[in-house]
């Protein structure tokens, strides 16, 4: 499974991207479960957030959902954090 996260917005407006291929990780099943929950909580259209907050596009195997601070679900927040930490 390939997971991509694009974070935009924030005070400085700097975009950050990261990608993870879960097949190369020791816990792909945990990633898949988290990804499925994050997709279920997402919106097809870009989400509106708060001024200077972050907006996210999460793409999992070609399907993209959107979310924004401060209304990320627990699964979305966990997935975004993991991908931005692990991904290159």
PDB file of N, CA and C in Angstrom:
ATOM      1  N   UNK A   1       0.845  -1.168   0.000  1.00  0.00           N
ATOM      2  CA  UNK A   1       0.000   0.000   0.000  1.00  0.00           C
ATOM      3  C   UNK A   1       0.895   1.237   0.000  1.00  0.00           C
ATOM      4  N   UNK A   2       0.558   2.187  -0.851  1.00  0.00           N
ATOM      5  CA  UNK A   2       1.310   3.435  -0.927  1.00  0.00           C
ATOM      6  C   UNK A   2       0.447   4.552  -0.346  1.00  0.00           C
ATOM      7  N   UNK A   3       1.008   5.248   0.647  1.00  0.00           N
ATOM      8  CA  UNK A   3       0.299   6.329   1.321  1.00  0.00           C
ATOM      9  C   UNK A   3       1.081   7.620   1.125  1.00  0.00           C
ATOM     10  N   UNK A   4       0.391   8.642   0.636  1.00  0.00           N
ATOM     11  CA  UNK A   4       1.010   9.950   0.431  1.00  0.00           C
ATOM     12  C   UNK A   4       0.245  10.987   1.242  1.00  0.00           C
ATOM     13  N   UNK A   5       0.993  11.907   1.848  1.00  0.00           N
ATOM     14  CA  UNK A   5       0.387  13.004   2.595  1.00  0.00           C
ATOM     15  C   UNK A   5       0.967  14.311   2.063  1.00  0.00           C
ATOM     16  N   UNK A   6       0.066  15.268   1.802  1.00  0.00           N
ATOM     17  CA  UNK A   6       0.481  16.610   1.419  1.00  0.00           C
ATOM     18  C   UNK A   6      -0.121  17.570   2.436  1.00  0.00           C
ATOM     19  N   UNK A   7       0.741  18.298   3.121  1.00  0.00           N
ATOM     20  CA  UNK A   7       0.290  19.263   4.129  1.00  0.00           C
ATOM     21  C   UNK A   7       0.542  20.661   3.601  1.00  0.00           C
ATOM     22  N   UNK A   8      -0.477  21.490   3.626  1.00  0.00           N
ATOM     23  CA  UNK A   8      -0.354  22.878   3.183  1.00  0.00           C
ATOM     24  C   UNK A   8      -0.887  23.796   4.274  1.00  0.00           C
ATOM     25  N   UNK A   9      -0.587  25.073   4.127  1.00  0.00           N
ATOM     26  CA  UNK A   9      -1.094  26.063   5.066  1.00  0.00           C
ATOM     27  C   UNK A   9      -0.122  26.334   6.190  1.00  0.00           C
ATOM     28  N   UNK A  10      -0.670  26.631   7.345  1.00  0.00           N
ATOM     29  CA  UNK A  10       0.164  26.998   8.477  1.00  0.00           C
ATOM     30  C   UNK A  10       0.558  28.461   8.389  1.00  0.00           C
ATOM     31  N   UNK A  11       1.201  28.939   9.400  1.00  0.00           N
ATOM     32  CA  UNK A  11       1.590  30.343   9.478  1.00  0.00           C
ATOM     33  C   UNK A  11       2.514  30.738   8.325  1.00  0.00           C
ATOM     34  N   UNK A  12       3.491  29.879   8.009  1.00  0.00           N
ATOM     35  CA  UNK A  12       4.458  30.190   6.965  1.00  0.00           C
ATOM     36  C   UNK A  12       3.981  29.775   5.575  1.00  0.00           C
ATOM     37  N   UNK A  13       2.947  28.955   5.505  1.00  0.00           N
ATOM     38  CA  UNK A  13       2.418  28.528   4.212  1.00  0.00           C
ATOM     39  C   UNK A  13       3.323  27.576   3.452  1.00  0.00           C
ATOM     40  N   UNK A  14       4.177  26.861   4.153  1.00  0.00           N
ATOM     41  CA  UNK A  14       5.113  25.936   3.505  1.00  0.00           C
ATOM     42  C   UNK A  14       4.448  24.582   3.294  1.00  0.00           C
ATOM     43  N   UNK A  15       4.556  24.063   2.083  1.00  0.00           N
ATOM     44  CA  UNK A  15       3.995  22.762   1.763  1.00  0.00           C
ATOM     45  C   UNK A  15       4.993  21.673   2.120  1.00  0.00           C
ATOM     46  N   UNK A  16       4.476  20.580   2.654  1.00  0.00           N
ATOM     47  CA  UNK A  16       5.321  19.429   2.977  1.00  0.00           C
ATOM     48  C   UNK A  16       4.649  18.181   2.426  1.00  0.00           C
ATOM     49  N   UNK A  17       5.456  17.313   1.825  1.00  0.00           N
ATOM     50  CA  UNK A  17       4.968  16.055   1.256  1.00  0.00           C
ATOM     51  C   UNK A  17       5.794  14.897   1.792  1.00  0.00           C
ATOM     52  N   UNK A  18       5.129  13.769   1.962  1.00  0.00           N
ATOM     53  CA  UNK A  18       5.826  12.551   2.367  1.00  0.00           C
ATOM     54  C   UNK A  18       5.057  11.361   1.810  1.00  0.00           C
ATOM     55  N   UNK A  19       5.777  10.269   1.635  1.00  0.00           N
ATOM     56  CA  UNK A  19       5.182   9.058   1.073  1.00  0.00           C
ATOM     57  C   UNK A  19       5.762   7.849   1.774  1.00  0.00           C
ATOM     58  N   UNK A  20       4.915   6.841   1.981  1.00  0.00           N
ATOM     59  CA  UNK A  20       5.340   5.593   2.615  1.00  0.00           C
ATOM     60  C   UNK A  20       4.799   4.436   1.790  1.00  0.00           C
ATOM     61  N   UNK A  21       5.648   3.455   1.537  1.00  0.00           N
ATOM     62  CA  UNK A  21       5.217   2.194   0.928  1.00  0.00           C
ATOM     63  C   UNK A  21       5.193   1.181   2.058  1.00  0.00           C
ATOM     64  N   UNK A  22       4.001   0.782   2.470  1.00  0.00           N
ATOM     65  CA  UNK A  22       3.877  -0.069   3.664  1.00  0.00           C
ATOM     66  C   UNK A  22       4.389  -1.490   3.450  1.00  0.00           C
ATOM     67  N   UNK A  23       4.545  -1.907   2.199  1.00  0.00           N
ATOM     68  CA  UNK A  23       5.020  -3.271   1.948  1.00  0.00           C
ATOM     69  C   UNK A  23       6.454  -3.467   2.436  1.00  0.00           C
ATOM     70  N   UNK A  24       7.187  -2.385   2.596  1.00  0.00           N
ATOM     71  CA  UNK A  24       8.576  -2.468   3.053  1.00  0.00           C
ATOM     72  C   UNK A  24       8.699  -2.305   4.565  1.00  0.00           C
ATOM     73  N   UNK A  25       7.578  -2.154   5.263  1.00  0.00           N
ATOM     74  CA  UNK A  25       7.605  -1.913   6.704  1.00  0.00           C
ATOM     75  C   UNK A  25       7.262  -3.186   7.473  1.00  0.00           C
ATOM     76  N   UNK A  26       7.698  -3.275   8.722  1.00  0.00           N
ATOM     77  CA  UNK A  26       7.467  -4.502   9.494  1.00  0.00           C
ATOM     78  C   UNK A  26       6.014  -4.691   9.943  1.00  0.00           C
ATOM     79  N   UNK A  27       5.171  -3.662   9.869  1.00  0.00           N
ATOM     80  CA  UNK A  27       3.791  -3.762  10.357  1.00  0.00           C
ATOM     81  C   UNK A  27       2.768  -3.275   9.326  1.00  0.00           C
ATOM     82  N   UNK A  28       2.748  -3.856   8.127  1.00  0.00           N
ATOM     83  CA  UNK A  28       1.858  -3.347   7.083  1.00  0.00           C
ATOM     84  C   UNK A  28       0.371  -3.477   7.441  1.00  0.00           C
ATOM     85  N   UNK A  29       0.001  -4.479   8.208  1.00  0.00           N
ATOM     86  CA  UNK A  29      -1.410  -4.651   8.571  1.00  0.00           C
ATOM     87  C   UNK A  29      -1.890  -3.498   9.454  1.00  0.00           C
ATOM     88  N   UNK A  30      -1.069  -3.066  10.391  1.00  0.00           N
ATOM     89  CA  UNK A  30      -1.429  -1.936  11.255  1.00  0.00           C
ATOM     90  C   UNK A  30      -1.590  -0.661  10.425  1.00  0.00           C
ATOM     91  N   UNK A  31      -0.694  -0.460   9.459  1.00  0.00           N
ATOM     92  CA  UNK A  31      -0.794   0.706   8.573  1.00  0.00           C
ATOM     93  C   UNK A  31      -2.101   0.643   7.780  1.00  0.00           C
ATOM     94  N   UNK A  32      -2.443  -0.537   7.272  1.00  0.00           N
ATOM     95  CA  UNK A  32      -3.645  -0.678   6.456  1.00  0.00           C
ATOM     96  C   UNK A  32      -4.894  -0.361   7.277  1.00  0.00           C
ATOM     97  N   UNK A  33      -4.966  -0.859   8.495  1.00  0.00           N
ATOM     98  CA  UNK A  33      -6.125  -0.593   9.340  1.00  0.00           C
ATOM     99  C   UNK A  33      -6.257   0.901   9.642  1.00  0.00           C
ATOM    100  N   UNK A  34      -5.132   1.543   9.948  1.00  0.00           N
ATOM    101  CA  UNK A  34      -5.145   2.974  10.225  1.00  0.00           C
ATOM    102  C   UNK A  34      -5.551   3.760   8.975  1.00  0.00           C
ATOM    103  N   UNK A  35      -5.022   3.363   7.826  1.00  0.00           N
ATOM    104  CA  UNK A  35      -5.331   4.039   6.566  1.00  0.00           C
ATOM    105  C   UNK A  35      -6.816   3.917   6.222  1.00  0.00           C
ATOM    106  N   UNK A  36      -7.403   2.753   6.420  1.00  0.00           N
ATOM    107  CA  UNK A  36      -8.819   2.561   6.122  1.00  0.00           C
ATOM    108  C   UNK A  36      -9.697   3.447   7.002  1.00  0.00           C
ATOM    109  N   UNK A  37      -9.335   3.578   8.276  1.00  0.00           N
ATOM    110  CA  UNK A  37     -10.096   4.452   9.172  1.00  0.00           C
ATOM    111  C   UNK A  37      -9.951   5.912   8.755  1.00  0.00           C
ATOM    112  N   UNK A  38      -8.732   6.314   8.368  1.00  0.00           N
ATOM    113  CA  UNK A  38      -8.498   7.700   7.942  1.00  0.00           C
ATOM    114  C   UNK A  38      -9.282   8.023   6.673  1.00  0.00           C
ATOM    115  N   UNK A  39      -9.333   7.086   5.729  1.00  0.00           N
ATOM    116  CA  UNK A  39     -10.111   7.297   4.501  1.00  0.00           C
ATOM    117  C   UNK A  39     -11.595   7.445   4.814  1.00  0.00           C
ATOM    118  N   UNK A  40     -12.095   6.614   5.693  1.00  0.00           N
ATOM    119  CA  UNK A  40     -13.519   6.643   6.036  1.00  0.00           C
ATOM    120  C   UNK A  40     -13.914   7.977   6.666  1.00  0.00           C
ATOM    121  N   UNK A  41     -12.984   8.614   7.365  1.00  0.00           N
ATOM    122  CA  UNK A  41     -13.270   9.882   8.044  1.00  0.00           C
ATOM    123  C   UNK A  41     -13.057  11.101   7.157  1.00  0.00           C
ATOM    124  N   UNK A  42     -12.501  10.921   5.958  1.00  0.00           N
ATOM    125  CA  UNK A  42     -12.134  12.043   5.106  1.00  0.00           C
ATOM    126  C   UNK A  42     -13.265  12.538   4.224  1.00  0.00           C
ATOM    127  N   UNK A  43     -12.988  13.657   3.562  1.00  0.00           N
ATOM    128  CA  UNK A  43     -13.921  14.269   2.630  1.00  0.00           C
ATOM    129  C   UNK A  43     -13.321  14.229   1.234  1.00  0.00           C
ATOM    130  N   UNK A  44     -14.178  14.113   0.235  1.00  0.00           N
ATOM    131  CA  UNK A  44     -13.705  14.098  -1.151  1.00  0.00           C
ATOM    132  C   UNK A  44     -13.231  15.476  -1.594  1.00  0.00           C
ATOM    133  N   UNK A  45     -13.870  16.530  -1.099  1.00  0.00           N
ATOM    134  CA  UNK A  45     -13.507  17.907  -1.460  1.00  0.00           C
ATOM    135  C   UNK A  45     -12.575  18.483  -0.394  1.00  0.00           C
ATOM    136  N   UNK A  46     -11.727  19.427  -0.772  1.00  0.00           N
ATOM    137  CA  UNK A  46     -10.847  20.054   0.218  1.00  0.00           C
ATOM    138  C   UNK A  46     -11.652  20.609   1.401  1.00  0.00           C
ATOM    139  N   UNK A  47     -11.133  20.368   2.577  1.00  0.00           N
ATOM    140  CA  UNK A  47     -11.811  20.787   3.808  1.00  0.00           C
ATOM    141  C   UNK A  47     -11.390  22.201   4.188  1.00  0.00           C
ATOM    142  N   UNK A  48     -12.320  22.933   4.774  1.00  0.00           N
ATOM    143  CA  UNK A  48     -11.959  24.263   5.269  1.00  0.00           C
ATOM    144  C   UNK A  48     -11.508  24.129   6.721  1.00  0.00           C
ATOM    145  N   UNK A  49     -10.468  24.818   7.037  1.00  0.00           N
ATOM    146  CA  UNK A  49      -9.922  24.761   8.389  1.00  0.00           C
ATOM    147  C   UNK A  49     -10.004  26.107   9.061  1.00  0.00           C
ATOM    148  N   UNK A  50      -9.012  26.402   9.836  1.00  0.00           N
ATOM    149  CA  UNK A  50      -8.933  27.669  10.546  1.00  0.00           C
ATOM    150  C   UNK A  50      -7.774  28.484   9.972  1.00  0.00           C
ATOM    151  N   UNK A  51      -7.788  29.810  10.135  1.00  0.00           N
ATOM    152  CA  UNK A  51      -6.663  30.616   9.647  1.00  0.00           C
ATOM    153  C   UNK A  51      -5.345  30.105  10.236  1.00  0.00           C
ATOM    154  N   UNK A  52      -4.347  30.003   9.408  1.00  0.00           N
ATOM    155  CA  UNK A  52      -3.012  29.534   9.782  1.00  0.00           C
ATOM    156  C   UNK A  52      -2.988  28.079  10.234  1.00  0.00           C
ATOM    157  N   UNK A  53      -4.044  27.340   9.998  1.00  0.00           N
ATOM    158  CA  UNK A  53      -4.068  25.917  10.308  1.00  0.00           C
ATOM    159  C   UNK A  53      -3.577  25.121   9.110  1.00  0.00           C
ATOM    160  N   UNK A  54      -3.315  23.860   9.325  1.00  0.00           N
ATOM    161  CA  UNK A  54      -2.865  22.991   8.241  1.00  0.00           C
ATOM    162  C   UNK A  54      -4.048  22.297   7.579  1.00  0.00           C
ATOM    163  N   UNK A  55      -3.935  22.098   6.272  1.00  0.00           N
ATOM    164  CA  UNK A  55      -4.870  21.295   5.494  1.00  0.00           C
ATOM    165  C   UNK A  55      -4.086  20.115   4.937  1.00  0.00           C
ATOM    166  N   UNK A  56      -4.751  18.988   4.815  1.00  0.00           N
ATOM    167  CA  UNK A  56      -4.086  17.757   4.401  1.00  0.00           C
ATOM    168  C   UNK A  56      -4.826  17.094   3.253  1.00  0.00           C
ATOM    169  N   UNK A  57      -4.069  16.544   2.324  1.00  0.00           N
ATOM    170  CA  UNK A  57      -4.587  15.644   1.296  1.00  0.00           C
ATOM    171  C   UNK A  57      -3.910  14.310   1.558  1.00  0.00           C
ATOM    172  N   UNK A  58      -4.698  13.293   1.830  1.00  0.00           N
ATOM    173  CA  UNK A  58      -4.185  11.950   2.103  1.00  0.00           C
ATOM    174  C   UNK A  58      -4.572  11.076   0.922  1.00  0.00           C
ATOM    175  N   UNK A  59      -3.569  10.512   0.252  1.00  0.00           N
ATOM    176  CA  UNK A  59      -3.817   9.653  -0.907  1.00  0.00           C
ATOM    177  C   UNK A  59      -3.332   8.249  -0.579  1.00  0.00           C
ATOM    178  N   UNK A  60      -4.252   7.296  -0.702  1.00  0.00           N
ATOM    179  CA  UNK A  60      -3.930   5.904  -0.408  1.00  0.00           C
ATOM    180  C   UNK A  60      -4.299   5.082  -1.628  1.00  0.00           C
ATOM    181  N   UNK A  61      -3.276   4.525  -2.264  1.00  0.00           N
ATOM    182  CA  UNK A  61      -3.463   3.727  -3.476  1.00  0.00           C
ATOM    183  C   UNK A  61      -4.382   4.415  -4.481  1.00  0.00           C
ATOM    184  N   UNK A  62      -4.145   5.710  -4.706  1.00  0.00           N
ATOM    185  CA  UNK A  62      -4.870   6.457  -5.729  1.00  0.00           C
ATOM    186  C   UNK A  62      -6.142   7.136  -5.273  1.00  0.00           C
ATOM    187  N   UNK A  63      -6.634   6.855  -4.091  1.00  0.00           N
ATOM    188  CA  UNK A  63      -7.849   7.518  -3.574  1.00  0.00           C
ATOM    189  C   UNK A  63      -7.430   8.629  -2.619  1.00  0.00           C
ATOM    190  N   UNK A  64      -7.933   9.841  -2.867  1.00  0.00           N
ATOM    191  CA  UNK A  64      -7.555  11.001  -2.066  1.00  0.00           C
ATOM    192  C   UNK A  64      -8.741  11.501  -1.251  1.00  0.00           C
ATOM    193  N   UNK A  65      -8.470  11.778   0.020  1.00  0.00           N
ATOM    194  CA  UNK A  65      -9.435  12.449   0.888  1.00  0.00           C
ATOM    195  C   UNK A  65      -8.751  13.667   1.493  1.00  0.00           C
ATOM    196  N   UNK A  66      -9.555  14.601   1.974  1.00  0.00           N
ATOM    197  CA  UNK A  66      -9.048  15.847   2.518  1.00  0.00           C
ATOM    198  C   UNK A  66      -9.528  16.026   3.952  1.00  0.00           C
ATOM    199  N   UNK A  67      -8.715  16.732   4.737  1.00  0.00           N
ATOM    200  CA  UNK A  67      -9.068  17.073   6.103  1.00  0.00           C
ATOM    201  C   UNK A  67      -8.260  18.305   6.499  1.00  0.00           C
ATOM    202  N   UNK A  68      -8.663  18.940   7.587  1.00  0.00           N
ATOM    203  CA  UNK A  68      -7.982  20.165   8.007  1.00  0.00           C
ATOM    204  C   UNK A  68      -8.027  20.296   9.520  1.00  0.00           C
ATOM    205  N   UNK A  69      -7.006  20.961  10.057  1.00  0.00           N
ATOM    206  CA  UNK A  69      -6.991  21.288  11.485  1.00  0.00           C
ATOM    207  C   UNK A  69      -8.116  22.256  11.768  1.00  0.00           C
ATOM    208  N   UNK A  70      -8.757  22.176  12.865  1.00  0.00           N
ATOM    209  CA  UNK A  70      -8.549  21.267  13.988  1.00  0.00           C
ATOM    210  C   UNK A  70      -9.468  20.055  13.942  1.00  0.00           C
ATOM    211  N   UNK A  71     -10.087  19.781  12.788  1.00  0.00           N
ATOM    212  CA  UNK A  71     -11.101  18.734  12.707  1.00  0.00           C
ATOM    213  C   UNK A  71     -10.593  17.431  12.117  1.00  0.00           C
ATOM    214  N   UNK A  72      -9.382  17.042  12.416  1.00  0.00           N
ATOM    215  CA  UNK A  72      -8.889  15.738  11.991  1.00  0.00           C
ATOM    216  C   UNK A  72      -9.416  14.686  12.955  1.00  0.00           C
ATOM    217  N   UNK A  73      -9.764  13.534  12.410  1.00  0.00           N
ATOM    218  CA  UNK A  73     -10.150  12.435  13.286  1.00  0.00           C
ATOM    219  C   UNK A  73      -8.881  11.890  13.945  1.00  0.00           C
ATOM    220  N   UNK A  74      -9.062  11.084  14.941  1.00  0.00           N
ATOM    221  CA  UNK A  74      -7.914  10.467  15.621  1.00  0.00           C
ATOM    222  C   UNK A  74      -7.084   9.644  14.632  1.00  0.00           C
ATOM    223  N   UNK A  75      -7.765   8.891  13.759  1.00  0.00           N
ATOM    224  CA  UNK A  75      -7.055   8.070  12.770  1.00  0.00           C
ATOM    225  C   UNK A  75      -6.298   8.939  11.769  1.00  0.00           C
ATOM    226  N   UNK A  76      -6.907  10.017  11.315  1.00  0.00           N
ATOM    227  CA  UNK A  76      -6.236  10.913  10.369  1.00  0.00           C
ATOM    228  C   UNK A  76      -5.003  11.539  11.004  1.00  0.00           C
ATOM    229  N   UNK A  77      -5.149  12.019  12.226  1.00  0.00           N
ATOM    230  CA  UNK A  77      -4.016  12.645  12.920  1.00  0.00           C
ATOM    231  C   UNK A  77      -2.862  11.645  13.090  1.00  0.00           C
ATOM    232  N   UNK A  78      -3.196  10.417  13.486  1.00  0.00           N
ATOM    233  CA  UNK A  78      -2.164   9.391  13.678  1.00  0.00           C
ATOM    234  C   UNK A  78      -1.485   9.032  12.358  1.00  0.00           C
ATOM    235  N   UNK A  79      -2.277   8.872  11.292  1.00  0.00           N
ATOM    236  CA  UNK A  79      -1.712   8.506   9.993  1.00  0.00           C
ATOM    237  C   UNK A  79      -0.831   9.617   9.442  1.00  0.00           C
ATOM    238  N   UNK A  80      -1.312  10.852   9.488  1.00  0.00           N
ATOM    239  CA  UNK A  80      -0.529  11.990   9.000  1.00  0.00           C
ATOM    240  C   UNK A  80       0.790  12.069   9.753  1.00  0.00           C
ATOM    241  N   UNK A  81       0.740  11.937  11.055  1.00  0.00           N
ATOM    242  CA  UNK A  81       1.952  12.006  11.873  1.00  0.00           C
ATOM    243  C   UNK A  81       2.944  10.904  11.495  1.00  0.00           C
ATOM    244  N   UNK A  82       2.441   9.696  11.345  1.00  0.00           N
ATOM    245  CA  UNK A  82       3.320   8.557  10.993  1.00  0.00           C
ATOM    246  C   UNK A  82       3.941   8.735   9.620  1.00  0.00           C
ATOM    247  N   UNK A  83       3.133   9.141   8.643  1.00  0.00           N
ATOM    248  CA  UNK A  83       3.658   9.295   7.278  1.00  0.00           C
ATOM    249  C   UNK A  83       4.683  10.422   7.221  1.00  0.00           C
ATOM    250  N   UNK A  84       4.380  11.546   7.839  1.00  0.00           N
ATOM    251  CA  UNK A  84       5.339  12.659   7.808  1.00  0.00           C
ATOM    252  C   UNK A  84       6.637  12.302   8.547  1.00  0.00           C
ATOM    253  N   UNK A  85       6.542  11.442   9.548  1.00  0.00           N
ATOM    254  CA  UNK A  85       7.737  11.013  10.287  1.00  0.00           C
ATOM    255  C   UNK A  85       8.532   9.961   9.508  1.00  0.00           C
ATOM    256  N   UNK A  86       7.846   8.969   8.945  1.00  0.00           N
ATOM    257  CA  UNK A  86       8.494   7.833   8.278  1.00  0.00           C
ATOM    258  C   UNK A  86       8.848   8.121   6.825  1.00  0.00           C
ATOM    259  N   UNK A  87       8.011   8.920   6.157  1.00  0.00           N
ATOM    260  CA  UNK A  87       8.140   9.113   4.729  1.00  0.00           C
ATOM    261  C   UNK A  87       9.277  10.019   4.322  1.00  0.00           C
ATOM    262  N   UNK A  88       9.635   9.894   3.066  1.00  0.00           N
ATOM    263  CA  UNK A  88      10.707  10.727   2.508  1.00  0.00           C
ATOM    264  C   UNK A  88      10.173  11.530   1.356  1.00  0.00           C
TER     265      UNK A  88
END
